[in-house]
């Protein structure tokens, strides 16, 4: 088993805007992740591959958000797409 970690941080910090997601899958598992819609924030950078195949190392995707004063209040979810091989 190998771990897939998804983080949601405020820009230039490690301050979480939402709980990180930690899931474990078999090596070779194909994954796809998406950013959360977080009220009053917008994604400005992504570190890591949002789509790929898990190898023997931990795979980490980090979304960085900055304030978005013009945004409307939205509720969101993160979606992990399970791709059959």
N, C-alpha and C. Protein backbone atom coordinates (compact mmCIF):
# COMPACT_ATOMS: atom_id res chain seq x y z
N UNK A 1 0.84 -1.18 0.00
CA UNK A 1 0.00 0.00 0.00
C UNK A 1 0.89 1.25 0.00
N UNK A 2 0.36 2.28 -0.64
CA UNK A 2 1.07 3.55 -0.71
C UNK A 2 0.07 4.67 -0.42
N UNK A 3 0.57 5.77 0.12
CA UNK A 3 -0.32 6.84 0.56
C UNK A 3 -0.44 7.95 -0.48
N UNK A 4 -1.67 8.46 -0.63
CA UNK A 4 -1.98 9.65 -1.43
C UNK A 4 -2.43 10.72 -0.45
N UNK A 5 -1.74 11.88 -0.45
CA UNK A 5 -2.04 12.97 0.47
C UNK A 5 -2.42 14.20 -0.34
N UNK A 6 -3.53 14.84 0.05
CA UNK A 6 -3.96 16.08 -0.61
C UNK A 6 -4.10 17.16 0.47
N UNK A 7 -3.38 18.29 0.27
CA UNK A 7 -3.38 19.40 1.22
C UNK A 7 -4.03 20.64 0.62
N UNK A 8 -4.57 21.49 1.49
CA UNK A 8 -5.23 22.73 1.09
C UNK A 8 -4.70 23.85 1.97
N UNK A 9 -3.64 24.56 1.49
CA UNK A 9 -2.93 25.53 2.31
C UNK A 9 -3.15 26.96 1.83
N UNK A 10 -3.06 27.88 2.79
CA UNK A 10 -3.04 29.31 2.48
C UNK A 10 -1.70 29.60 1.80
N UNK A 11 -1.71 30.48 0.80
CA UNK A 11 -0.52 30.80 0.01
C UNK A 11 0.68 31.16 0.89
N UNK A 12 1.83 30.57 0.54
CA UNK A 12 3.11 30.82 1.21
C UNK A 12 3.14 30.39 2.67
N UNK A 13 2.26 29.46 3.05
CA UNK A 13 2.23 28.96 4.43
C UNK A 13 1.96 27.45 4.40
N UNK A 14 1.94 26.88 5.59
CA UNK A 14 1.45 25.51 5.76
C UNK A 14 0.18 25.54 6.62
N UNK A 15 -0.49 26.70 6.62
CA UNK A 15 -1.75 26.85 7.34
C UNK A 15 -2.87 26.20 6.53
N UNK A 16 -3.49 25.18 7.10
CA UNK A 16 -4.55 24.45 6.41
C UNK A 16 -5.84 25.26 6.38
N UNK A 17 -6.47 25.30 5.20
CA UNK A 17 -7.78 25.91 5.05
C UNK A 17 -8.88 24.85 5.11
N UNK A 18 -8.49 23.60 5.01
CA UNK A 18 -9.40 22.45 5.11
C UNK A 18 -8.55 21.25 5.53
N UNK A 19 -9.17 20.25 6.14
CA UNK A 19 -8.39 19.08 6.55
C UNK A 19 -7.74 18.38 5.36
N UNK A 20 -6.50 17.96 5.55
CA UNK A 20 -5.81 17.19 4.51
C UNK A 20 -6.49 15.83 4.36
N UNK A 21 -6.35 15.28 3.18
CA UNK A 21 -6.92 13.95 2.90
C UNK A 21 -5.77 12.96 2.81
N UNK A 22 -5.91 11.86 3.53
CA UNK A 22 -4.93 10.79 3.53
C UNK A 22 -5.64 9.50 3.13
N UNK A 23 -5.27 8.93 1.98
CA UNK A 23 -5.84 7.66 1.52
C UNK A 23 -4.71 6.73 1.14
N UNK A 24 -4.97 5.43 1.27
CA UNK A 24 -3.98 4.42 0.89
C UNK A 24 -4.53 3.54 -0.22
N UNK A 25 -3.66 3.28 -1.20
CA UNK A 25 -4.03 2.48 -2.36
C UNK A 25 -2.87 1.55 -2.71
N UNK A 26 -3.14 0.64 -3.61
CA UNK A 26 -2.10 -0.26 -4.11
C UNK A 26 -1.17 0.48 -5.06
N UNK A 27 0.09 0.09 -5.09
CA UNK A 27 1.04 0.64 -6.06
C UNK A 27 0.48 0.38 -7.45
N UNK A 28 0.55 1.37 -8.32
CA UNK A 28 0.03 1.25 -9.68
C UNK A 28 -1.38 1.81 -9.83
N UNK A 29 -1.99 2.21 -8.72
CA UNK A 29 -3.35 2.77 -8.75
C UNK A 29 -3.34 4.10 -9.49
N UNK A 30 -4.28 4.30 -10.40
CA UNK A 30 -4.41 5.56 -11.12
C UNK A 30 -5.36 6.48 -10.35
N UNK A 31 -4.94 7.72 -10.12
CA UNK A 31 -5.72 8.65 -9.31
C UNK A 31 -5.94 9.97 -10.06
N UNK A 32 -6.95 10.71 -9.61
CA UNK A 32 -7.21 12.08 -10.08
C UNK A 32 -7.83 12.83 -8.90
N UNK A 33 -7.29 13.99 -8.57
CA UNK A 33 -7.82 14.79 -7.46
C UNK A 33 -8.16 16.19 -7.97
N UNK A 34 -9.03 16.88 -7.22
CA UNK A 34 -9.44 18.24 -7.57
C UNK A 34 -9.36 19.13 -6.34
N UNK A 35 -9.22 20.42 -6.59
CA UNK A 35 -9.21 21.40 -5.49
C UNK A 35 -10.58 21.51 -4.86
N UNK A 36 -10.60 21.96 -3.63
CA UNK A 36 -11.86 22.28 -2.95
C UNK A 36 -12.28 23.70 -3.31
N UNK A 37 -13.57 23.94 -3.31
CA UNK A 37 -14.08 25.31 -3.37
C UNK A 37 -14.17 25.79 -1.93
N UNK A 38 -13.31 26.73 -1.57
CA UNK A 38 -13.26 27.24 -0.21
C UNK A 38 -13.76 28.68 -0.23
N UNK A 39 -14.77 28.99 0.57
CA UNK A 39 -15.35 30.34 0.57
C UNK A 39 -14.29 31.43 0.73
N UNK A 40 -14.36 32.42 -0.15
CA UNK A 40 -13.49 33.60 -0.12
C UNK A 40 -12.03 33.33 -0.47
N UNK A 41 -11.76 32.17 -1.06
CA UNK A 41 -10.40 31.83 -1.49
C UNK A 41 -10.45 31.28 -2.91
N UNK A 42 -9.31 31.41 -3.60
CA UNK A 42 -9.18 30.82 -4.94
C UNK A 42 -7.83 30.12 -5.04
N UNK A 43 -7.77 29.07 -5.82
CA UNK A 43 -6.52 28.33 -6.01
C UNK A 43 -5.59 29.17 -6.88
N UNK A 44 -4.35 29.33 -6.43
CA UNK A 44 -3.37 30.11 -7.19
C UNK A 44 -2.15 29.28 -7.60
N UNK A 45 -2.00 28.09 -7.00
CA UNK A 45 -0.86 27.24 -7.34
C UNK A 45 -1.16 25.81 -6.90
N UNK A 46 -0.62 24.86 -7.65
CA UNK A 46 -0.74 23.45 -7.30
C UNK A 46 0.66 22.85 -7.35
N UNK A 47 1.04 22.20 -6.27
CA UNK A 47 2.33 21.51 -6.20
C UNK A 47 2.04 20.02 -6.23
N UNK A 48 2.56 19.33 -7.24
CA UNK A 48 2.30 17.90 -7.40
C UNK A 48 1.37 17.66 -8.58
N UNK A 49 1.26 16.40 -8.96
CA UNK A 49 0.43 16.01 -10.10
C UNK A 49 -0.99 15.69 -9.65
N UNK A 50 -1.96 16.36 -10.26
CA UNK A 50 -3.36 16.12 -9.92
C UNK A 50 -3.87 14.79 -10.49
N UNK A 51 -3.19 14.26 -11.46
CA UNK A 51 -3.54 12.97 -12.07
C UNK A 51 -2.26 12.17 -12.22
N UNK A 52 -2.36 10.87 -12.01
CA UNK A 52 -1.18 10.05 -12.19
C UNK A 52 -1.38 8.64 -11.72
N UNK A 53 -0.28 7.94 -11.62
CA UNK A 53 -0.25 6.56 -11.16
C UNK A 53 0.65 6.48 -9.95
N UNK A 54 0.15 5.88 -8.88
CA UNK A 54 0.92 5.81 -7.64
C UNK A 54 2.09 4.86 -7.79
N UNK A 55 3.25 5.30 -7.29
CA UNK A 55 4.43 4.43 -7.26
C UNK A 55 4.70 4.03 -5.82
N UNK A 56 5.89 3.60 -5.52
CA UNK A 56 6.19 3.09 -4.18
C UNK A 56 6.40 4.18 -3.13
N UNK A 57 6.37 5.44 -3.55
CA UNK A 57 6.57 6.55 -2.61
C UNK A 57 5.25 7.27 -2.34
N UNK A 58 5.18 7.98 -1.25
CA UNK A 58 4.01 8.79 -0.93
C UNK A 58 3.82 9.82 -2.05
N UNK A 59 2.60 9.95 -2.51
CA UNK A 59 2.27 10.97 -3.52
C UNK A 59 1.52 12.08 -2.82
N UNK A 60 2.00 13.32 -2.99
CA UNK A 60 1.40 14.45 -2.31
C UNK A 60 1.02 15.52 -3.33
N UNK A 61 -0.20 16.02 -3.21
CA UNK A 61 -0.68 17.13 -4.03
C UNK A 61 -1.09 18.23 -3.06
N UNK A 62 -0.55 19.43 -3.26
CA UNK A 62 -0.86 20.55 -2.37
C UNK A 62 -1.43 21.70 -3.19
N UNK A 63 -2.63 22.11 -2.79
CA UNK A 63 -3.28 23.27 -3.40
C UNK A 63 -3.01 24.48 -2.52
N UNK A 64 -2.57 25.58 -3.14
CA UNK A 64 -2.33 26.83 -2.43
C UNK A 64 -3.40 27.83 -2.82
N UNK A 65 -3.99 28.47 -1.82
CA UNK A 65 -5.09 29.40 -2.00
C UNK A 65 -4.70 30.79 -1.54
N UNK A 66 -5.27 31.79 -2.23
CA UNK A 66 -5.14 33.18 -1.80
C UNK A 66 -6.55 33.73 -1.62
N UNK A 67 -6.66 34.82 -0.86
CA UNK A 67 -7.99 35.38 -0.62
C UNK A 67 -8.58 35.90 -1.92
N UNK A 68 -9.89 35.76 -2.01
CA UNK A 68 -10.63 36.19 -3.19
C UNK A 68 -11.84 36.98 -2.70
N UNK A 69 -11.65 38.27 -2.50
CA UNK A 69 -12.68 39.10 -1.90
C UNK A 69 -13.93 39.21 -2.76
N UNK A 70 -13.81 38.95 -4.06
CA UNK A 70 -14.96 39.06 -4.94
C UNK A 70 -15.75 37.76 -5.06
N UNK A 71 -15.23 36.69 -4.48
CA UNK A 71 -15.90 35.40 -4.64
C UNK A 71 -17.18 35.33 -3.84
N UNK A 72 -18.07 34.50 -4.29
CA UNK A 72 -19.29 34.24 -3.55
C UNK A 72 -19.03 33.09 -2.60
N UNK A 73 -19.80 32.99 -1.54
CA UNK A 73 -19.64 31.90 -0.60
C UNK A 73 -20.10 30.61 -1.25
N UNK A 74 -19.19 29.65 -1.32
CA UNK A 74 -19.48 28.35 -1.90
C UNK A 74 -19.11 27.27 -0.90
N UNK A 75 -19.82 26.17 -0.96
CA UNK A 75 -19.42 24.99 -0.21
C UNK A 75 -18.89 24.02 -1.22
N UNK A 76 -17.90 23.23 -0.83
CA UNK A 76 -17.31 22.33 -1.80
C UNK A 76 -16.90 21.00 -1.22
N UNK A 77 -16.53 20.15 -2.11
CA UNK A 77 -16.03 18.84 -1.74
C UNK A 77 -14.81 18.55 -2.59
N UNK A 78 -14.03 17.62 -2.15
CA UNK A 78 -12.93 17.14 -2.97
C UNK A 78 -13.37 15.83 -3.59
N UNK A 79 -13.00 15.64 -4.83
CA UNK A 79 -13.40 14.43 -5.53
C UNK A 79 -12.14 13.67 -5.92
N UNK A 80 -12.06 12.42 -5.52
CA UNK A 80 -11.00 11.52 -5.96
C UNK A 80 -11.66 10.56 -6.93
N UNK A 81 -11.21 10.59 -8.18
CA UNK A 81 -11.77 9.72 -9.21
C UNK A 81 -11.03 8.40 -9.20
N UNK A 82 -11.74 7.32 -9.00
CA UNK A 82 -11.17 5.98 -9.02
C UNK A 82 -11.23 5.48 -10.45
N UNK A 83 -10.07 5.21 -11.03
CA UNK A 83 -9.99 4.82 -12.43
C UNK A 83 -9.61 3.34 -12.49
N UNK A 84 -10.49 2.54 -13.05
CA UNK A 84 -10.24 1.10 -13.17
C UNK A 84 -9.17 0.86 -14.21
N UNK A 85 -8.27 -0.08 -13.93
CA UNK A 85 -7.22 -0.40 -14.90
C UNK A 85 -7.42 -1.79 -15.43
